[in-house]
Amino acid sequence: MVLTTNLNYNKIMTNRINYDVIICGGGTSGCACAYSCAKFGLKTLLIEKNNFLGGLMTGGLVVPVMKSSSNNLNCDYYNKLVKTAKKFNAQITYKDNNDGWFNPEILKIVIEDILTENEIKKNLDILLETQIFSVNKNNSLIKDIVLNSNLLSLPIVSTYYVDATGSGEFSILAGCSILNDKSEHQQNSLRFILDNVNFSEFSDFLINLDDDENITNIYRNEINSDVNFTTASTWDENTFWKLDKFLKSGVENGLLLPNDRSYFQIFSVAGTNSKVAFNCPRISNYANNPYMASNELIEAKKAIWRIYNFVKKTFPGFENSQISNIATQTGIREQNRIKTKYHYTKNDLISGKKFENNVLEANYGIDVHTNDKKSSIIQVSQSYQLPIETLMSYDYDNLFIIGKPIGADFYAHSALRVQKSCMSMGEGVAKYIAKIKK
């Protein structure tokens, strides 16, 4: 099989390449933006430092997509993802009608399948294992960027640039202003998956243990008899968690350390009958201290081993389980937020403020993960909108920021960072660029 691409490799070694849009970061928002730009006929380049696409949805094992209303605004890519994943047996629709339950490993294949369809690939180039080396700018415009990969180093020119790096890496390299309201921090996580779990035994245990559907619920598919479930426990003191007595016992018996029970959440993996995804252990956020951050990751893997041995000895159905995946990307909930033309605030969100250039509809609540023993979630009951100006760089007229680095305050960001909203951001920016390019 001969692989084809829009890139002419003889030409690129001596000449600059011109695009309409260059998207830096092939994660949740970046893939949505790339798909939409290509669909709208824009010549697009998607750059990703890993050898796979999907970001935290795949490499971070962050499943399922958190449920949020959307009024189907800028959800074409999300709907395409659900439809395609279903064909690969990598998606289920849960009992609450959340259709964002995916298999993260198969999703790597699903996303590439979507982005290499004939209609899309004619306008889209993808560079994996490639990073941005430098950004060249002139006053309020990004002029070009220099990429660095195992094969080549070259300057590439675009009319518009999109930072979808998650960390704001591209914007920081360009010298953009960063928001400095850093009095509070989210806790991060390093997710993992256990295989060979007996779903039937464990779900029976859950049914007898906890009847609070807001915390523990089980979905038995009447068509194919598949079982799926989710449950959780934290050390928050103002909520009673049925699982916490087992976690406390684990600490008392030396199987767990006290911090291991700070947050414990699991989900069955879509399309399997034996895989369970763990949204834990928590990791302290040391975004600006690589030594501390690295030590946290080492300690997190030790915690994974403790939790694994704890569930094997404690919960029915886990006796023969095995670790099958440890996330290759840290689940960073909030890192660098970039200053944008409109600073979106908690008041904008909870008031449901309306905007003329709206890019998404959502109702996912303010969701702050702290490491103290206080409630971590503040619910929002009504829908809210996000203006395109919150995705426009304050410093550059041809740079957009999508996903986690957007220009929102800490509390508004905690609601906007979820995957479905990030996909809508990417699609909304693509639609906006296509409109102004006409």
Protein backbone atom coordinates (compact mmCIF):
# COMPACT_ATOMS: atom_id res chain seq x y z
CA MET A 1 0.00 0.00 0.00
CA VAL A 2 1.34 3.45 -0.96
CA LEU A 3 0.57 6.23 1.46
CA THR A 4 -0.44 9.51 -0.16
CA THR A 5 -0.49 13.01 1.25
CA ASN A 6 -0.90 16.61 0.16
CA LEU A 7 2.75 17.24 1.13
CA ASN A 8 5.39 17.21 -1.61
CA TYR A 9 8.54 16.19 0.29
CA ASN A 10 10.96 17.24 -2.46
CA LYS A 11 9.43 20.69 -2.41
CA ILE A 12 9.25 21.17 1.36
CA MET A 13 12.98 20.75 1.84
CA THR A 14 13.61 23.96 -0.10
CA ASN A 15 10.36 25.94 0.05
CA ARG A 16 7.84 27.07 2.59
CA ILE A 17 4.43 25.44 2.63
CA ASN A 18 1.30 27.57 2.84
CA TYR A 19 -1.90 26.59 4.64
CA ASP A 20 -5.16 28.30 5.49
CA VAL A 21 -5.08 26.89 9.03
CA ILE A 22 -2.41 25.20 11.13
CA ILE A 23 -3.66 23.45 14.27
CA CYS A 24 -1.08 22.68 16.92
CA GLY A 25 -2.25 19.75 19.03
CA GLY A 26 -4.21 16.70 17.91
CA GLY A 27 -6.24 16.20 21.06
CA THR A 28 -9.95 16.57 21.74
CA SER A 29 -10.43 20.11 20.44
CA GLY A 30 -7.69 19.94 17.80
CA CYS A 31 -9.16 16.93 15.99
CA ALA A 32 -12.61 18.53 15.95
CA CYS A 33 -11.13 21.72 14.52
CA ALA A 34 -9.09 19.85 11.88
CA TYR A 35 -12.08 17.79 10.76
CA SER A 36 -14.29 20.86 10.49
CA CYS A 37 -11.71 23.05 8.74
CA ALA A 38 -11.10 20.36 6.13
CA LYS A 39 -14.83 19.80 5.71
CA PHE A 40 -15.27 23.53 5.04
CA GLY A 41 -12.62 23.37 2.29
CA LEU A 42 -9.76 25.02 4.21
CA LYS A 43 -6.26 23.73 3.51
CA THR A 44 -5.34 22.47 6.95
CA LEU A 45 -2.35 21.02 8.81
CA LEU A 46 -2.76 19.16 12.10
CA ILE A 47 0.40 18.75 14.21
CA GLU A 48 0.64 16.24 17.07
CA LYS A 49 3.66 15.40 19.23
CA ASN A 50 2.48 11.85 20.01
CA ASN A 51 2.18 8.96 17.54
CA PHE A 52 -1.61 8.95 17.97
CA LEU A 53 -4.47 11.43 18.01
CA GLY A 54 -7.14 12.04 20.62
CA GLY A 55 -5.13 13.51 23.48
CA LEU A 56 -6.64 12.82 26.89
CA MET A 57 -9.55 10.90 25.35
CA THR A 58 -7.08 8.25 24.16
CA GLY A 59 -3.63 8.65 25.73
CA GLY A 60 -5.10 9.98 28.97
CA LEU A 61 -7.79 7.25 29.19
CA VAL A 62 -10.32 9.98 30.06
CA VAL A 63 -13.61 8.19 29.47
CA PRO A 64 -16.51 8.59 29.32
CA VAL A 65 -17.32 12.04 27.92
CA MET A 66 -19.12 13.93 30.67
CA LYS A 67 -22.77 14.44 29.84
CA SER A 68 -23.74 17.99 28.89
CA SER A 69 -26.60 19.50 26.91
CA SER A 70 -25.59 21.14 23.64
CA ASN A 71 -28.70 21.95 21.56
CA ASN A 72 -26.54 20.27 18.89
CA LEU A 73 -24.61 23.52 18.39
CA ASN A 74 -21.24 22.79 16.72
CA CYS A 75 -21.57 19.08 17.43
CA ASP A 76 -21.07 17.67 13.90
CA TYR A 77 -17.67 16.23 14.80
CA TYR A 78 -18.91 14.81 18.09
CA ASN A 79 -21.87 13.16 16.36
CA LYS A 80 -19.51 11.76 13.72
CA LEU A 81 -17.27 10.38 16.47
CA VAL A 82 -20.19 8.60 18.14
CA LYS A 83 -21.44 7.16 14.85
CA THR A 84 -18.00 5.93 13.74
CA ALA A 85 -17.03 4.53 17.15
CA LYS A 86 -20.24 2.51 17.15
CA LYS A 87 -19.11 0.83 13.90
CA PHE A 88 -15.90 -0.20 15.65
CA ASN A 89 -17.81 -1.53 18.68
CA ALA A 90 -16.10 1.18 20.72
CA GLN A 91 -19.15 3.15 21.90
CA ILE A 92 -22.27 2.68 23.97
CA THR A 93 -25.13 4.96 24.93
CA TYR A 94 -25.57 4.73 28.68
CA LYS A 95 -28.88 4.53 30.55
CA ASP A 96 -28.93 8.33 31.05
CA ASN A 97 -28.69 8.79 27.24
CA ASN A 98 -25.04 9.82 27.43
CA ASP A 99 -23.70 8.56 24.08
CA GLY A 100 -20.10 9.46 24.94
CA TRP A 101 -19.00 6.17 26.50
CA PHE A 102 -15.98 5.10 24.42
CA ASN A 103 -13.15 2.57 24.37
CA PRO A 104 -10.05 4.83 24.54
CA GLU A 105 -7.63 2.47 22.77
CA ILE A 106 -9.94 1.75 19.82
CA LEU A 107 -10.74 5.47 19.69
CA LYS A 108 -7.19 6.05 18.40
CA ILE A 109 -8.16 4.09 15.29
CA VAL A 110 -11.61 5.66 15.09
CA ILE A 111 -10.31 9.25 15.06
CA GLU A 112 -7.75 8.52 12.35
CA ASP A 113 -10.46 6.79 10.33
CA ILE A 114 -12.59 9.95 10.50
CA LEU A 115 -9.72 12.28 9.57
CA THR A 116 -8.62 10.18 6.59
CA GLU A 117 -11.99 9.90 4.88
CA ASN A 118 -11.82 11.01 1.24
CA GLU A 119 -13.79 14.22 1.80
CA ILE A 120 -11.51 15.24 4.67
CA LYS A 121 -8.04 14.04 3.66
CA LYS A 122 -8.02 16.03 0.41
CA ASN A 123 -7.82 19.19 2.53
CA LEU A 124 -6.01 17.86 5.62
CA ASP A 125 -2.40 16.93 6.28
CA ILE A 126 -1.47 15.28 9.58
CA LEU A 127 2.02 15.28 11.09
CA LEU A 128 2.49 12.90 14.02
CA GLU A 129 5.57 12.83 16.26
CA THR A 130 6.15 16.46 15.32
CA GLN A 131 6.59 19.47 17.56
CA ILE A 132 6.79 23.23 17.16
CA PHE A 133 10.38 24.42 17.30
CA SER A 134 9.83 28.17 16.99
CA VAL A 135 7.20 30.80 16.18
CA ASN A 136 7.98 33.82 14.01
CA LYS A 137 5.74 36.84 14.36
CA ASN A 138 5.37 40.41 13.14
CA ASN A 139 3.52 42.83 15.40
CA SER A 140 0.02 41.37 15.89
CA LEU A 141 0.37 38.50 13.41
CA ILE A 142 1.96 35.06 13.52
CA LYS A 143 4.01 34.87 10.31
CA ASP A 144 5.16 31.26 10.27
CA ILE A 145 6.30 28.41 12.48
CA VAL A 146 9.22 26.03 12.34
CA LEU A 147 8.45 22.37 12.97
CA ASN A 148 10.78 19.70 14.20
CA SER A 149 10.28 15.96 13.71
CA ASN A 150 12.44 12.88 13.37
CA LEU A 151 12.53 13.42 9.63
CA LEU A 152 12.69 17.11 8.94
CA SER A 153 12.81 20.66 10.23
CA LEU A 154 10.99 23.21 8.12
CA PRO A 155 9.17 26.55 8.21
CA ILE A 156 5.46 26.47 7.42
CA VAL A 157 3.21 29.45 6.70
CA SER A 158 -0.50 29.77 7.44
CA THR A 159 -3.14 32.47 7.38
CA TYR A 160 -4.51 31.33 10.73
CA TYR A 161 -3.10 29.34 13.63
CA VAL A 162 -4.92 27.40 16.35
CA ASP A 163 -3.44 26.48 19.72
CA ALA A 164 -5.02 23.16 20.72
CA THR A 165 -2.07 21.95 22.78
CA GLY A 166 -3.94 21.68 26.07
CA SER A 167 -1.07 23.34 27.91
CA GLY A 168 -1.01 26.53 25.81
CA GLU A 169 2.45 25.50 24.63
CA PHE A 170 2.11 27.20 21.24
CA SER A 171 0.79 30.47 22.71
CA ILE A 172 3.56 30.57 25.30
CA LEU A 173 6.17 29.97 22.58
CA ALA A 174 4.65 32.90 20.69
CA GLY A 175 4.94 35.12 23.78
CA CYS A 176 1.22 35.43 24.52
CA SER A 177 -0.02 36.87 27.80
CA ILE A 178 -0.97 34.27 30.42
CA LEU A 179 -3.71 34.67 33.02
CA ASN A 180 -2.16 34.80 36.47
CA ASP A 181 -5.14 34.10 38.76
CA LYS A 182 -3.35 31.14 40.30
CA SER A 183 -4.61 31.23 43.88
CA GLU A 184 -6.43 27.91 43.34
CA HIS A 185 -5.45 24.73 41.52
CA GLN A 186 -7.14 21.62 40.23
CA GLN A 187 -5.84 18.22 41.26
CA ASN A 188 -4.62 16.09 38.35
CA SER A 189 -4.89 12.32 37.89
CA LEU A 190 -3.10 9.40 36.26
CA ARG A 191 -5.74 7.03 34.96
CA PHE A 192 -5.42 3.31 34.41
CA ILE A 193 -7.47 0.33 33.22
CA LEU A 194 -7.87 -3.13 34.71
CA ASP A 195 -8.83 -6.06 32.50
CA ASN A 196 -10.33 -9.49 33.29
CA VAL A 197 -12.90 -8.10 35.71
CA ASN A 198 -16.09 -10.13 36.13
CA PHE A 199 -18.75 -7.50 35.40
CA SER A 200 -21.63 -9.67 36.51
CA GLU A 201 -20.18 -10.37 39.96
CA PHE A 202 -19.12 -6.78 40.58
CA SER A 203 -22.41 -5.27 39.38
CA ASP A 204 -24.35 -7.61 41.69
CA PHE A 205 -22.15 -6.40 44.54
CA LEU A 206 -22.88 -2.76 43.63
CA ILE A 207 -26.64 -3.33 43.46
CA ASN A 208 -26.66 -4.68 46.99
CA LEU A 209 -24.30 -1.97 48.26
CA ASP A 210 -25.59 1.35 46.96
CA ASP A 211 -28.98 2.46 45.65
CA ASP A 212 -28.01 6.14 45.17
CA GLU A 213 -28.25 6.54 41.37
CA ASN A 214 -26.37 9.85 41.54
CA ILE A 215 -23.25 7.98 42.68
CA THR A 216 -23.61 4.32 41.72
CA ASN A 217 -25.59 3.06 38.76
CA ILE A 218 -25.67 0.01 36.54
CA TYR A 219 -26.89 -0.40 32.97
CA ARG A 220 -27.86 -3.83 31.69
CA ASN A 221 -28.47 -3.69 27.95
CA GLU A 222 -31.68 -5.59 27.22
CA ILE A 223 -30.66 -6.28 23.61
CA ASN A 224 -27.25 -7.92 24.08
CA SER A 225 -27.20 -8.39 27.90
CA ASP A 226 -24.00 -6.34 28.25
CA VAL A 227 -23.40 -4.84 31.69
CA ASN A 228 -21.94 -1.37 32.27
CA PHE A 229 -21.58 0.58 35.48
CA THR A 230 -20.03 3.48 37.33
CA THR A 231 -19.42 4.25 40.99
CA ALA A 232 -17.32 6.60 43.08
CA SER A 233 -16.11 7.58 46.53
CA THR A 234 -14.13 10.53 47.89
CA TRP A 235 -13.11 11.66 51.32
CA ASP A 236 -15.38 14.74 51.05
CA GLU A 237 -17.03 14.97 54.45
CA ASN A 238 -20.40 16.39 53.46
CA THR A 239 -21.40 13.40 51.29
CA PHE A 240 -21.93 9.83 52.43
CA TRP A 241 -20.11 7.39 50.17
CA LYS A 242 -21.02 3.71 50.50
CA LEU A 243 -17.63 2.60 49.17
CA ASP A 244 -15.66 4.68 51.64
CA LYS A 245 -15.90 2.11 54.43
CA PHE A 246 -13.94 -0.30 52.22
CA LEU A 247 -11.33 2.35 51.39
CA LYS A 248 -10.95 3.27 55.07
CA SER A 249 -10.47 -0.41 55.87
CA GLY A 250 -7.85 -0.59 53.13
CA VAL A 251 -5.93 2.22 54.82
CA GLU A 252 -6.26 0.61 58.24
CA ASN A 253 -4.97 -2.72 56.87
CA GLY A 254 -2.00 -1.13 55.13
CA LEU A 255 -3.20 -1.82 51.58
CA LEU A 256 -3.72 1.88 50.87
CA LEU A 257 -2.20 5.17 51.98
CA PRO A 258 -4.57 7.83 53.36
CA ASN A 259 -4.40 9.94 50.19
CA ASP A 260 -5.44 6.94 48.07
CA ARG A 261 -9.00 7.31 49.33
CA SER A 262 -9.19 11.02 48.48
CA TYR A 263 -10.78 10.22 45.12
CA PHE A 264 -11.89 6.86 43.74
CA GLN A 265 -14.02 6.65 40.59
CA ILE A 266 -14.48 3.87 38.07
CA PHE A 267 -16.31 3.28 34.78
CA SER A 268 -16.77 0.17 32.70
CA VAL A 269 -15.14 0.52 29.26
CA ALA A 270 -17.53 0.58 26.30
CA GLY A 271 -17.55 -2.44 24.02
CA THR A 272 -15.86 -4.72 26.53
CA ASN A 273 -17.13 -7.12 29.16
CA SER A 274 -14.06 -7.07 31.37
CA LYS A 275 -12.28 -3.67 31.34
CA VAL A 276 -12.70 -1.05 34.08
CA ALA A 277 -11.29 2.49 33.80
CA PHE A 278 -10.09 4.19 37.00
CA ASN A 279 -10.23 7.97 37.34
CA CYS A 280 -7.53 7.95 40.01
CA PRO A 281 -5.09 8.28 41.69
CA ARG A 282 -5.05 12.02 42.21
CA ILE A 283 -1.84 13.94 41.64
CA SER A 284 -0.91 17.32 43.09
CA ASN A 285 -0.54 20.02 40.44
CA TYR A 286 3.09 21.10 39.99
CA ALA A 287 2.76 22.54 36.50
CA ASN A 288 5.71 24.91 36.88
CA ASN A 289 8.05 22.55 38.71
CA PRO A 290 9.14 19.62 36.48
CA TYR A 291 11.06 17.93 39.31
CA MET A 292 8.04 17.86 41.61
CA ALA A 293 5.70 16.91 38.75
CA SER A 294 7.94 14.00 37.76
CA ASN A 295 8.10 12.77 41.34
CA GLU A 296 4.29 12.93 41.53
CA LEU A 297 4.04 10.69 38.44
CA ILE A 298 6.42 8.16 39.98
CA GLU A 299 4.39 8.13 43.19
CA ALA A 300 1.17 7.85 41.18
CA LYS A 301 2.31 4.58 39.62
CA LYS A 302 3.03 3.25 43.12
CA ALA A 303 -0.51 4.29 44.06
CA ILE A 304 -1.89 2.45 41.01
CA TRP A 305 -0.17 -0.71 42.22
CA ARG A 306 -1.67 -0.25 45.72
CA ILE A 307 -5.18 0.38 44.37
CA TYR A 308 -4.89 -2.61 42.04
CA ASN A 309 -3.97 -4.96 44.89
CA PHE A 310 -6.64 -3.41 47.10
CA VAL A 311 -9.50 -4.00 44.64
CA LYS A 312 -8.28 -7.57 43.92
CA LYS A 313 -8.53 -8.42 47.60
CA THR A 314 -11.65 -6.41 48.39
CA PHE A 315 -14.26 -6.39 45.60
CA PRO A 316 -16.04 -9.40 44.07
CA GLY A 317 -15.20 -9.76 40.39
CA PHE A 318 -11.72 -8.25 40.65
CA GLU A 319 -9.93 -11.36 41.95
CA ASN A 320 -8.36 -12.23 38.58
CA SER A 321 -7.98 -8.69 37.25
CA GLN A 322 -4.78 -7.38 35.66
CA ILE A 323 -3.41 -3.94 34.84
CA SER A 324 -3.76 -3.53 31.08
CA ASN A 325 -3.19 0.22 30.57
CA ILE A 326 -1.59 3.12 32.40
CA ALA A 327 -2.27 6.50 30.79
CA THR A 328 0.55 7.84 28.63
CA GLN A 329 -0.68 11.38 29.30
CA THR A 330 -1.30 12.90 32.70
CA GLY A 331 -4.90 13.96 33.32
CA ILE A 332 -4.17 17.65 33.78
CA ARG A 333 -7.44 19.47 34.41
CA GLU A 334 -6.06 23.00 34.31
CA GLN A 335 -2.60 24.32 33.49
CA ASN A 336 -2.00 27.53 31.54
CA ARG A 337 -4.89 29.77 30.55
CA ILE A 338 -4.12 32.31 27.83
CA LYS A 339 -5.38 35.90 27.76
CA THR A 340 -8.01 36.29 25.07
CA LYS A 341 -10.06 39.14 23.63
CA TYR A 342 -12.96 38.37 25.98
CA HIS A 343 -12.25 37.13 29.50
CA TYR A 344 -15.02 34.68 30.36
CA THR A 345 -16.05 34.57 34.01
CA LYS A 346 -17.98 32.49 36.49
CA ASN A 347 -20.70 35.15 36.46
CA ASP A 348 -21.06 34.82 32.68
CA LEU A 349 -21.51 31.09 33.13
CA ILE A 350 -23.94 30.93 36.05
CA SER A 351 -26.06 33.81 34.69
CA GLY A 352 -26.44 32.12 31.31
CA LYS A 353 -25.28 35.27 29.53
CA LYS A 354 -26.08 35.30 25.81
CA PHE A 355 -23.53 36.17 23.13
CA GLU A 356 -23.89 37.19 19.49
CA ASN A 357 -20.98 35.01 18.28
CA ASN A 358 -21.74 31.94 20.35
CA VAL A 359 -19.71 28.74 19.74
CA LEU A 360 -21.28 26.30 22.20
CA GLU A 361 -24.23 25.47 24.43
CA ALA A 362 -23.58 23.48 27.61
CA ASN A 363 -24.84 22.92 31.14
CA TYR A 364 -21.97 20.93 32.67
CA GLY A 365 -21.41 22.31 36.15
CA ILE A 366 -18.49 24.04 37.79
CA ASP A 367 -16.26 21.13 38.75
CA VAL A 368 -13.25 21.81 40.98
CA HIS A 369 -11.16 18.90 42.26
CA THR A 370 -9.44 19.93 45.47
CA ASN A 371 -7.38 17.83 47.85
CA ASP A 372 -9.09 18.95 51.03
CA LYS A 373 -12.12 17.28 52.58
CA LYS A 374 -14.69 19.70 51.24
CA SER A 375 -17.21 19.21 48.49
CA SER A 376 -15.51 19.55 45.10
CA ILE A 377 -18.51 20.18 42.83
CA ILE A 378 -20.77 23.21 42.48
CA GLN A 379 -23.70 22.41 40.21
CA VAL A 380 -24.97 24.70 37.46
CA SER A 381 -28.58 24.06 36.51
CA GLN A 382 -29.04 26.20 33.40
CA SER A 383 -27.44 26.33 29.98
CA TYR A 384 -24.69 28.79 29.18
CA GLN A 385 -22.92 30.05 26.08
CA LEU A 386 -19.32 30.88 25.13
CA PRO A 387 -18.39 33.66 22.68
CA ILE A 388 -15.83 33.24 19.90
CA GLU A 389 -13.89 36.16 21.41
CA THR A 390 -12.89 33.93 24.36
CA LEU A 391 -11.10 31.75 21.80
CA MET A 392 -9.24 34.67 20.14
CA SER A 393 -5.73 35.53 21.29
CA TYR A 394 -5.44 38.93 22.95
CA ASP A 395 -1.97 39.41 21.47
CA TYR A 396 -2.33 38.11 17.90
CA ASP A 397 -5.07 38.67 15.34
CA ASN A 398 -4.60 35.34 13.55
CA LEU A 399 -4.26 33.03 16.56
CA PHE A 400 -7.12 31.11 18.19
CA ILE A 401 -6.99 29.17 21.45
CA ILE A 402 -9.27 26.17 21.96
CA GLY A 403 -9.69 23.55 24.67
CA LYS A 404 -8.13 23.90 28.09
CA PRO A 405 -5.96 27.05 27.53
CA ILE A 406 -8.96 29.32 26.79
CA GLY A 407 -9.27 32.73 28.41
CA ALA A 408 -11.64 31.97 31.26
CA ASP A 409 -11.36 32.42 35.00
CA PHE A 410 -10.65 29.42 37.22
CA TYR A 411 -14.26 28.50 38.05
CA ALA A 412 -15.68 29.05 34.56
CA HIS A 413 -12.80 27.04 33.14
CA SER A 414 -13.64 24.11 35.42
CA ALA A 415 -16.99 23.76 33.63
CA LEU A 416 -15.81 24.51 30.08
CA ARG A 417 -12.86 22.08 30.03
CA VAL A 418 -14.95 18.94 29.41
CA GLN A 419 -14.53 17.08 26.13
CA LYS A 420 -17.85 17.79 24.44
CA SER A 421 -17.43 21.54 24.97
CA CYS A 422 -13.83 21.39 23.75
CA MET A 423 -14.99 19.71 20.53
CA SER A 424 -17.58 22.45 20.02
CA MET A 425 -14.85 25.07 20.50
CA GLY A 426 -12.76 23.47 17.74
CA GLU A 427 -15.71 23.24 15.38
CA GLY A 428 -16.81 26.78 16.21
CA VAL A 429 -13.40 28.23 15.39
CA ALA A 430 -13.31 26.31 12.10
CA LYS A 431 -16.73 27.66 11.17
CA TYR A 432 -15.67 31.20 12.07
CA ILE A 433 -12.46 31.01 10.00
CA ALA A 434 -14.34 29.56 7.01
CA LYS A 435 -16.79 32.47 7.23
CA ILE A 436 -14.19 35.23 7.34
CA LYS A 437 -12.08 33.56 4.62
CA LYS A 438 -14.91 33.90 2.08
